[in-house]
């Protein structure tokens, strides 16, 4: 464990950067899953016959 100023200050910075990468990666995965779910739901709804309002 280096005790010089710059190297010691870089360790918490690296940990924070890694935590942000994990958080943003998880948010990106959740957003991707939600987008795929919405696309699949829309595709299923488009496959259904649309109701006729005239009848």
Protein backbone atom coordinates (compact mmCIF):
# COMPACT_ATOMS: atom_id res chain seq x y z
CA UNK A 1 0.00 0.00 0.00
CA UNK A 2 1.78 3.16 -1.15
CA UNK A 3 1.82 6.03 1.30
CA UNK A 4 2.86 8.82 -1.09
CA UNK A 5 0.29 11.57 -1.52
CA UNK A 6 -0.77 11.11 -5.15
CA UNK A 7 -0.84 7.30 -5.06
CA UNK A 8 -2.71 7.23 -1.74
CA UNK A 9 -5.26 9.70 -3.10
CA UNK A 10 -5.70 7.62 -6.26
CA UNK A 11 -6.89 4.54 -4.34
CA UNK A 12 -10.20 6.01 -3.04
CA UNK A 13 -10.68 7.69 -6.42
CA UNK A 14 -10.31 4.34 -8.16
CA UNK A 15 -12.77 2.74 -5.73
CA UNK A 16 -15.30 5.51 -6.36
CA UNK A 17 -14.80 5.16 -10.10
CA UNK A 18 -15.35 1.40 -9.87
CA UNK A 19 -18.50 1.90 -7.80
CA UNK A 20 -19.87 4.37 -10.35
CA UNK A 21 -19.08 1.90 -13.12
CA UNK A 22 -21.00 -0.83 -11.28
CA UNK A 23 -23.96 1.47 -10.61
CA UNK A 24 -24.12 2.80 -14.16
CA UNK A 25 -23.66 -0.69 -15.56
CA UNK A 26 -26.56 -1.97 -13.47
CA UNK A 27 -28.74 0.97 -14.53
CA UNK A 28 -27.85 0.35 -18.18
CA UNK A 29 -28.75 -3.33 -17.85
CA UNK A 30 -32.09 -2.48 -16.21
CA UNK A 31 -32.83 0.12 -18.90
CA UNK A 32 -31.96 -2.39 -21.63
CA UNK A 33 -34.18 -5.05 -20.06
CA UNK A 34 -37.04 -2.56 -19.72
CA UNK A 35 -36.65 -1.47 -23.35
CA UNK A 36 -36.65 -5.09 -24.57
CA UNK A 37 -39.71 -5.82 -22.44
CA UNK A 38 -41.54 -2.77 -23.83
CA UNK A 39 -40.62 -3.72 -27.40
CA UNK A 40 -41.81 -7.30 -26.90
CA UNK A 41 -45.08 -6.13 -25.31
CA UNK A 42 -45.63 -3.70 -28.19
CA UNK A 43 -44.90 -6.46 -30.71
CA UNK A 44 -47.40 -8.76 -28.98
CA UNK A 45 -50.00 -5.99 -28.93
CA UNK A 46 -49.43 -5.24 -32.62
CA UNK A 47 -50.02 -8.90 -33.39
CA UNK A 48 -53.52 -8.75 -31.90
CA UNK A 49 -56.41 -7.73 -34.13
CA UNK A 50 -57.30 -4.14 -33.42
CA UNK A 51 -60.84 -3.59 -32.06
CA UNK A 52 -63.35 -1.96 -34.35
CA UNK A 53 -65.01 1.07 -32.81
CA UNK A 54 -67.77 1.23 -35.43
CA UNK A 55 -69.49 -1.98 -34.42
